[in-house]
Amino acid sequence: MHIGSIIPAYGRDYRNQKDAKQAWADGKDFIIQNFFSPDDGRYVSINDIGPDDTAELRYSNLSKVIIVKGKK
């Protein structure tokens, strides 16, 4: 399942893909940003989604995107 876009929580941001991926792998919180979804605004981390689930992680002032997966 694809949960949509997520952005770093608590005012965090990441300048590069490596840092964004590491924060996701470390279980940092992100916020779901799907305006037409009931999950919009909910906090989520790698621990909250299944191993086959994906999300679009936005970073670098929301200008760049990478696809991340849940914990295996």
PDB file of N, CA and C in Angstrom:
ATOM      1  N   MET A   1       0.850  -1.182   0.000  1.00  0.00           N
ATOM      2  CA  MET A   1       0.000   0.000   0.000  1.00  0.00           C
ATOM      3  C   MET A   1       0.893   1.242   0.000  1.00  0.00           C
ATOM      4  N   HIS A   2       0.474   2.237  -0.714  1.00  0.00           N
ATOM      5  CA  HIS A   2       1.206   3.501  -0.759  1.00  0.00           C
ATOM      6  C   HIS A   2       0.497   4.502   0.154  1.00  0.00           C
ATOM      7  N   ILE A   3       1.222   5.041   1.138  1.00  0.00           N
ATOM      8  CA  ILE A   3       0.559   5.944   2.087  1.00  0.00           C
ATOM      9  C   ILE A   3       0.620   7.398   1.658  1.00  0.00           C
ATOM     10  N   GLY A   4       1.286   7.715   0.546  1.00  0.00           N
ATOM     11  CA  GLY A   4       1.336   9.077   0.028  1.00  0.00           C
ATOM     12  C   GLY A   4       2.578   9.817   0.474  1.00  0.00           C
ATOM     13  N   SER A   5       2.475  11.135   0.548  1.00  0.00           N
ATOM     14  CA  SER A   5       3.615  11.978   0.895  1.00  0.00           C
ATOM     15  C   SER A   5       3.770  12.118   2.398  1.00  0.00           C
ATOM     16  N   ILE A   6       5.019  12.141   2.836  1.00  0.00           N
ATOM     17  CA  ILE A   6       5.325  12.410   4.242  1.00  0.00           C
ATOM     18  C   ILE A   6       6.397  13.484   4.302  1.00  0.00           C
ATOM     19  N   ILE A   7       6.340  14.304   5.354  1.00  0.00           N
ATOM     20  CA  ILE A   7       7.331  15.364   5.554  1.00  0.00           C
ATOM     21  C   ILE A   7       7.908  15.236   6.959  1.00  0.00           C
ATOM     22  N   PRO A   8       9.127  15.699   7.173  1.00  0.00           N
ATOM     23  CA  PRO A   8       9.729  15.611   8.508  1.00  0.00           C
ATOM     24  C   PRO A   8       8.880  16.354   9.551  1.00  0.00           C
ATOM     25  N   ALA A   9       8.754  15.776  10.734  1.00  0.00           N
ATOM     26  CA  ALA A   9       7.981  16.376  11.817  1.00  0.00           C
ATOM     27  C   ALA A   9       8.856  17.301  12.665  1.00  0.00           C
ATOM     28  N   TYR A  10       8.198  18.116  13.473  1.00  0.00           N
ATOM     29  CA  TYR A  10       8.843  18.979  14.470  1.00  0.00           C
ATOM     30  C   TYR A  10       9.796  19.999  13.850  1.00  0.00           C
ATOM     31  N   GLY A  11       9.512  20.440  12.623  1.00  0.00           N
ATOM     32  CA  GLY A  11      10.315  21.478  11.986  1.00  0.00           C
ATOM     33  C   GLY A  11      11.639  21.001  11.407  1.00  0.00           C
ATOM     34  N   ARG A  12      11.870  19.688  11.424  1.00  0.00           N
ATOM     35  CA  ARG A  12      13.123  19.172  10.866  1.00  0.00           C
ATOM     36  C   ARG A  12      13.096  19.258   9.347  1.00  0.00           C
ATOM     37  N   ASP A  13      14.284  19.232   8.750  1.00  0.00           N
ATOM     38  CA  ASP A  13      14.439  19.143   7.305  1.00  0.00           C
ATOM     39  C   ASP A  13      15.778  18.480   7.043  1.00  0.00           C
ATOM     40  N   TYR A  14      15.941  17.942   5.872  1.00  0.00           N
ATOM     41  CA  TYR A  14      17.182  17.267   5.513  1.00  0.00           C
ATOM     42  C   TYR A  14      17.679  17.839   4.197  1.00  0.00           C
ATOM     43  N   ARG A  15      18.964  18.112   4.133  1.00  0.00           N
ATOM     44  CA  ARG A  15      19.539  18.725   2.938  1.00  0.00           C
ATOM     45  C   ARG A  15      19.828  17.736   1.829  1.00  0.00           C
ATOM     46  N   ASN A  16      20.026  16.466   2.210  1.00  0.00           N
ATOM     47  CA  ASN A  16      20.368  15.490   1.179  1.00  0.00           C
ATOM     48  C   ASN A  16      19.625  14.173   1.412  1.00  0.00           C
ATOM     49  N   GLN A  17      19.646  13.353   0.372  1.00  0.00           N
ATOM     50  CA  GLN A  17      18.939  12.076   0.389  1.00  0.00           C
ATOM     51  C   GLN A  17      19.466  11.141   1.469  1.00  0.00           C
ATOM     52  N   LYS A  18      20.770  11.129   1.658  1.00  0.00           N
ATOM     53  CA  LYS A  18      21.379  10.244   2.656  1.00  0.00           C
ATOM     54  C   LYS A  18      20.836  10.536   4.050  1.00  0.00           C
ATOM     55  N   ASP A  19      20.773  11.806   4.431  1.00  0.00           N
ATOM     56  CA  ASP A  19      20.276  12.186   5.759  1.00  0.00           C
ATOM     57  C   ASP A  19      18.783  11.869   5.914  1.00  0.00           C
ATOM     58  N   ALA A  20      18.010  12.097   4.850  1.00  0.00           N
ATOM     59  CA  ALA A  20      16.577  11.808   4.900  1.00  0.00           C
ATOM     60  C   ALA A  20      16.333  10.313   5.068  1.00  0.00           C
ATOM     61  N   LYS A  21      17.053   9.501   4.302  1.00  0.00           N
ATOM     62  CA  LYS A  21      16.905   8.047   4.424  1.00  0.00           C
ATOM     63  C   LYS A  21      17.341   7.553   5.796  1.00  0.00           C
ATOM     64  N   GLN A  22      18.398   8.135   6.337  1.00  0.00           N
ATOM     65  CA  GLN A  22      18.879   7.720   7.657  1.00  0.00           C
ATOM     66  C   GLN A  22      17.867   8.059   8.744  1.00  0.00           C
ATOM     67  N   ALA A  23      17.257   9.233   8.659  1.00  0.00           N
ATOM     68  CA  ALA A  23      16.232   9.621   9.642  1.00  0.00           C
ATOM     69  C   ALA A  23      15.053   8.656   9.588  1.00  0.00           C
ATOM     70  N   TRP A  24      14.633   8.263   8.385  1.00  0.00           N
ATOM     71  CA  TRP A  24      13.545   7.300   8.228  1.00  0.00           C
ATOM     72  C   TRP A  24      13.945   5.964   8.854  1.00  0.00           C
ATOM     73  N   ALA A  25      15.150   5.488   8.540  1.00  0.00           N
ATOM     74  CA  ALA A  25      15.643   4.206   9.066  1.00  0.00           C
ATOM     75  C   ALA A  25      15.779   4.234  10.589  1.00  0.00           C
ATOM     76  N   ASP A  26      16.098   5.395  11.146  1.00  0.00           N
ATOM     77  CA  ASP A  26      16.253   5.544  12.592  1.00  0.00           C
ATOM     78  C   ASP A  26      14.915   5.638  13.331  1.00  0.00           C
ATOM     79  N   GLY A  27      13.808   5.676  12.598  1.00  0.00           N
ATOM     80  CA  GLY A  27      12.490   5.717  13.237  1.00  0.00           C
ATOM     81  C   GLY A  27      12.028   7.101  13.636  1.00  0.00           C
ATOM     82  N   LYS A  28      12.599   8.147  13.040  1.00  0.00           N
ATOM     83  CA  LYS A  28      12.152   9.515  13.339  1.00  0.00           C
ATOM     84  C   LYS A  28      10.703   9.682  12.875  1.00  0.00           C
ATOM     85  N   ASP A  29       9.988  10.636  13.482  1.00  0.00           N
ATOM     86  CA  ASP A  29       8.604  10.904  13.107  1.00  0.00           C
ATOM     87  C   ASP A  29       8.521  11.767  11.859  1.00  0.00           C
ATOM     88  N   PHE A  30       7.506  11.461  11.048  1.00  0.00           N
ATOM     89  CA  PHE A  30       7.162  12.243   9.869  1.00  0.00           C
ATOM     90  C   PHE A  30       5.662  12.494   9.915  1.00  0.00           C
ATOM     91  N   ILE A  31       5.186  13.430   9.118  1.00  0.00           N
ATOM     92  CA  ILE A  31       3.769  13.772   9.085  1.00  0.00           C
ATOM     93  C   ILE A  31       3.214  13.416   7.713  1.00  0.00           C
ATOM     94  N   ILE A  32       2.094  12.712   7.696  1.00  0.00           N
ATOM     95  CA  ILE A  32       1.437  12.376   6.435  1.00  0.00           C
ATOM     96  C   ILE A  32       0.808  13.634   5.865  1.00  0.00           C
ATOM     97  N   GLN A  33       1.068  13.912   4.593  1.00  0.00           N
ATOM     98  CA  GLN A  33       0.541  15.091   3.906  1.00  0.00           C
ATOM     99  C   GLN A  33      -0.299  14.663   2.716  1.00  0.00           C
ATOM    100  N   ASN A  34      -1.503  14.174   2.975  1.00  0.00           N
ATOM    101  CA  ASN A  34      -2.460  13.783   1.938  1.00  0.00           C
ATOM    102  C   ASN A  34      -3.752  14.517   2.215  1.00  0.00           C
ATOM    103  N   PHE A  35      -3.981  15.601   1.533  1.00  0.00           N
ATOM    104  CA  PHE A  35      -5.103  16.474   1.848  1.00  0.00           C
ATOM    105  C   PHE A  35      -6.461  15.796   1.732  1.00  0.00           C
ATOM    106  N   PHE A  36      -6.568  14.770   0.894  1.00  0.00           N
ATOM    107  CA  PHE A  36      -7.858  14.118   0.690  1.00  0.00           C
ATOM    108  C   PHE A  36      -7.956  12.796   1.441  1.00  0.00           C
ATOM    109  N   SER A  37      -7.093  12.596   2.409  1.00  0.00           N
ATOM    110  CA  SER A  37      -7.066  11.351   3.166  1.00  0.00           C
ATOM    111  C   SER A  37      -7.402  11.615   4.630  1.00  0.00           C
ATOM    112  N   PRO A  38      -8.080  10.674   5.269  1.00  0.00           N
ATOM    113  CA  PRO A  38      -8.347  10.839   6.708  1.00  0.00           C
ATOM    114  C   PRO A  38      -7.064  10.769   7.543  1.00  0.00           C
ATOM    115  N   ASP A  39      -5.972  10.274   6.964  1.00  0.00           N
ATOM    116  CA  ASP A  39      -4.699  10.190   7.684  1.00  0.00           C
ATOM    117  C   ASP A  39      -3.891  11.486   7.630  1.00  0.00           C
ATOM    118  N   ASP A  40      -4.367  12.490   6.897  1.00  0.00           N
ATOM    119  CA  ASP A  40      -3.634  13.750   6.767  1.00  0.00           C
ATOM    120  C   ASP A  40      -3.318  14.333   8.143  1.00  0.00           C
ATOM    121  N   GLY A  41      -2.062  14.673   8.370  1.00  0.00           N
ATOM    122  CA  GLY A  41      -1.637  15.270   9.622  1.00  0.00           C
ATOM    123  C   GLY A  41      -1.220  14.264  10.684  1.00  0.00           C
ATOM    124  N   ARG A  42      -1.414  12.987  10.421  1.00  0.00           N
ATOM    125  CA  ARG A  42      -1.047  11.946  11.388  1.00  0.00           C
ATOM    126  C   ARG A  42       0.460  11.726  11.363  1.00  0.00           C
ATOM    127  N   TYR A  43       1.032  11.469  12.529  1.00  0.00           N
ATOM    128  CA  TYR A  43       2.456  11.159  12.619  1.00  0.00           C
ATOM    129  C   TYR A  43       2.683   9.704  12.230  1.00  0.00           C
ATOM    130  N   VAL A  44       3.801   9.447  11.563  1.00  0.00           N
ATOM    131  CA  VAL A  44       4.126   8.102  11.111  1.00  0.00           C
ATOM    132  C   VAL A  44       5.648   7.928  11.118  1.00  0.00           C
ATOM    133  N   SER A  45       6.076   6.694  11.339  1.00  0.00           N
ATOM    134  CA  SER A  45       7.508   6.372  11.252  1.00  0.00           C
ATOM    135  C   SER A  45       7.640   5.024  10.553  1.00  0.00           C
ATOM    136  N   ILE A  46       8.867   4.598  10.341  1.00  0.00           N
ATOM    137  CA  ILE A  46       9.130   3.313   9.700  1.00  0.00           C
ATOM    138  C   ILE A  46       8.482   2.170  10.464  1.00  0.00           C
ATOM    139  N   ASN A  47       8.307   2.343  11.757  1.00  0.00           N
ATOM    140  CA  ASN A  47       7.723   1.306  12.599  1.00  0.00           C
ATOM    141  C   ASN A  47       6.210   1.181  12.460  1.00  0.00           C
ATOM    142  N   ASP A  48       5.589   2.154  11.798  1.00  0.00           N
ATOM    143  CA  ASP A  48       4.132   2.182  11.704  1.00  0.00           C
ATOM    144  C   ASP A  48       3.572   1.610  10.410  1.00  0.00           C
ATOM    145  N   ILE A  49       4.428   1.317   9.441  1.00  0.00           N
ATOM    146  CA  ILE A  49       3.921   0.801   8.168  1.00  0.00           C
ATOM    147  C   ILE A  49       4.543  -0.564   7.881  1.00  0.00           C
ATOM    148  N   GLY A  50       3.868  -1.319   7.068  1.00  0.00           N
ATOM    149  CA  GLY A  50       4.320  -2.668   6.749  1.00  0.00           C
ATOM    150  C   GLY A  50       5.530  -2.684   5.827  1.00  0.00           C
ATOM    151  N   PRO A  51       6.199  -3.825   5.714  1.00  0.00           N
ATOM    152  CA  PRO A  51       7.413  -3.934   4.915  1.00  0.00           C
ATOM    153  C   PRO A  51       7.188  -3.725   3.422  1.00  0.00           C
ATOM    154  N   ASP A  52       5.972  -3.930   2.952  1.00  0.00           N
ATOM    155  CA  ASP A  52       5.678  -3.729   1.530  1.00  0.00           C
ATOM    156  C   ASP A  52       5.042  -2.370   1.254  1.00  0.00           C
ATOM    157  N   ASP A  53       4.791  -1.586   2.297  1.00  0.00           N
ATOM    158  CA  ASP A  53       4.202  -0.256   2.137  1.00  0.00           C
ATOM    159  C   ASP A  53       5.277   0.748   1.735  1.00  0.00           C
ATOM    160  N   THR A  54       4.867   1.757   0.984  1.00  0.00           N
ATOM    161  CA  THR A  54       5.797   2.806   0.551  1.00  0.00           C
ATOM    162  C   THR A  54       5.230   4.184   0.865  1.00  0.00           C
ATOM    163  N   ALA A  55       6.126   5.164   0.850  1.00  0.00           N
ATOM    164  CA  ALA A  55       5.739   6.560   1.035  1.00  0.00           C
ATOM    165  C   ALA A  55       6.703   7.441   0.257  1.00  0.00           C
ATOM    166  N   GLU A  56       6.251   8.614  -0.128  1.00  0.00           N
ATOM    167  CA  GLU A  56       7.097   9.615  -0.777  1.00  0.00           C
ATOM    168  C   GLU A  56       7.606  10.558   0.299  1.00  0.00           C
ATOM    169  N   LEU A  57       8.865  10.445   0.658  1.00  0.00           N
ATOM    170  CA  LEU A  57       9.455  11.288   1.690  1.00  0.00           C
ATOM    171  C   LEU A  57       9.979  12.567   1.039  1.00  0.00           C
ATOM    172  N   ARG A  58       9.433  13.699   1.459  1.00  0.00           N
ATOM    173  CA  ARG A  58       9.854  15.001   0.915  1.00  0.00           C
ATOM    174  C   ARG A  58      10.884  15.628   1.847  1.00  0.00           C
ATOM    175  N   TYR A  59      11.926  16.216   1.258  1.00  0.00           N
ATOM    176  CA  TYR A  59      12.996  16.847   2.031  1.00  0.00           C
ATOM    177  C   TYR A  59      13.558  18.026   1.238  1.00  0.00           C
ATOM    178  N   SER A  60      14.571  18.695   1.784  1.00  0.00           N
ATOM    179  CA  SER A  60      15.183  19.874   1.148  1.00  0.00           C
ATOM    180  C   SER A  60      14.119  20.923   0.822  1.00  0.00           C
ATOM    181  N   ASN A  61      13.490  21.433   1.885  1.00  0.00           N
ATOM    182  CA  ASN A  61      12.393  22.399   1.762  1.00  0.00           C
ATOM    183  C   ASN A  61      11.261  21.865   0.902  1.00  0.00           C
ATOM    184  N   LEU A  62      11.010  20.567   1.007  1.00  0.00           N
ATOM    185  CA  LEU A  62       9.948  19.862   0.291  1.00  0.00           C
ATOM    186  C   LEU A  62      10.138  19.848  -1.220  1.00  0.00           C
ATOM    187  N   SER A  63      11.345  20.169  -1.700  1.00  0.00           N
ATOM    188  CA  SER A  63      11.588  20.252  -3.138  1.00  0.00           C
ATOM    189  C   SER A  63      12.088  18.945  -3.743  1.00  0.00           C
ATOM    190  N   LYS A  64      12.515  18.001  -2.903  1.00  0.00           N
ATOM    191  CA  LYS A  64      13.024  16.726  -3.409  1.00  0.00           C
ATOM    192  C   LYS A  64      12.238  15.585  -2.782  1.00  0.00           C
ATOM    193  N   VAL A  65      12.175  14.463  -3.498  1.00  0.00           N
ATOM    194  CA  VAL A  65      11.376  13.326  -3.049  1.00  0.00           C
ATOM    195  C   VAL A  65      12.153  12.025  -3.228  1.00  0.00           C
ATOM    196  N   ILE A  66      12.031  11.139  -2.245  1.00  0.00           N
ATOM    197  CA  ILE A  66      12.533   9.768  -2.374  1.00  0.00           C
ATOM    198  C   ILE A  66      11.420   8.820  -1.924  1.00  0.00           C
ATOM    199  N   ILE A  67      11.467   7.620  -2.412  1.00  0.00           N
ATOM    200  CA  ILE A  67      10.503   6.596  -2.002  1.00  0.00           C
ATOM    201  C   ILE A  67      11.128   5.763  -0.887  1.00  0.00           C
ATOM    202  N   VAL A  68      10.394   5.613   0.203  1.00  0.00           N
ATOM    203  CA  VAL A  68      10.869   4.809   1.339  1.00  0.00           C
ATOM    204  C   VAL A  68       9.873   3.690   1.607  1.00  0.00           C
ATOM    205  N   LYS A  69      10.375   2.632   2.245  1.00  0.00           N
ATOM    206  CA  LYS A  69       9.539   1.473   2.578  1.00  0.00           C
ATOM    207  C   LYS A  69       9.487   1.288   4.088  1.00  0.00           C
ATOM    208  N   GLY A  70       8.545   0.431   4.520  1.00  0.00           N
ATOM    209  CA  GLY A  70       8.425   0.093   5.923  1.00  0.00           C
ATOM    210  C   GLY A  70       9.538  -0.846   6.361  1.00  0.00           C
ATOM    211  N   LYS A  71       9.551  -1.127   7.639  1.00  0.00           N
ATOM    212  CA  LYS A  71      10.573  -1.977   8.238  1.00  0.00           C
ATOM    213  C   LYS A  71      10.360  -3.437   7.842  1.00  0.00           C
ATOM    214  N   LYS A  72      11.449  -4.107   7.501  1.00  0.00           N
ATOM    215  CA  LYS A  72      11.370  -5.531   7.120  1.00  0.00           C
ATOM    216  C   LYS A  72      11.362  -6.429   8.309  1.00  0.00           C
TER     217      LYS A  72
END
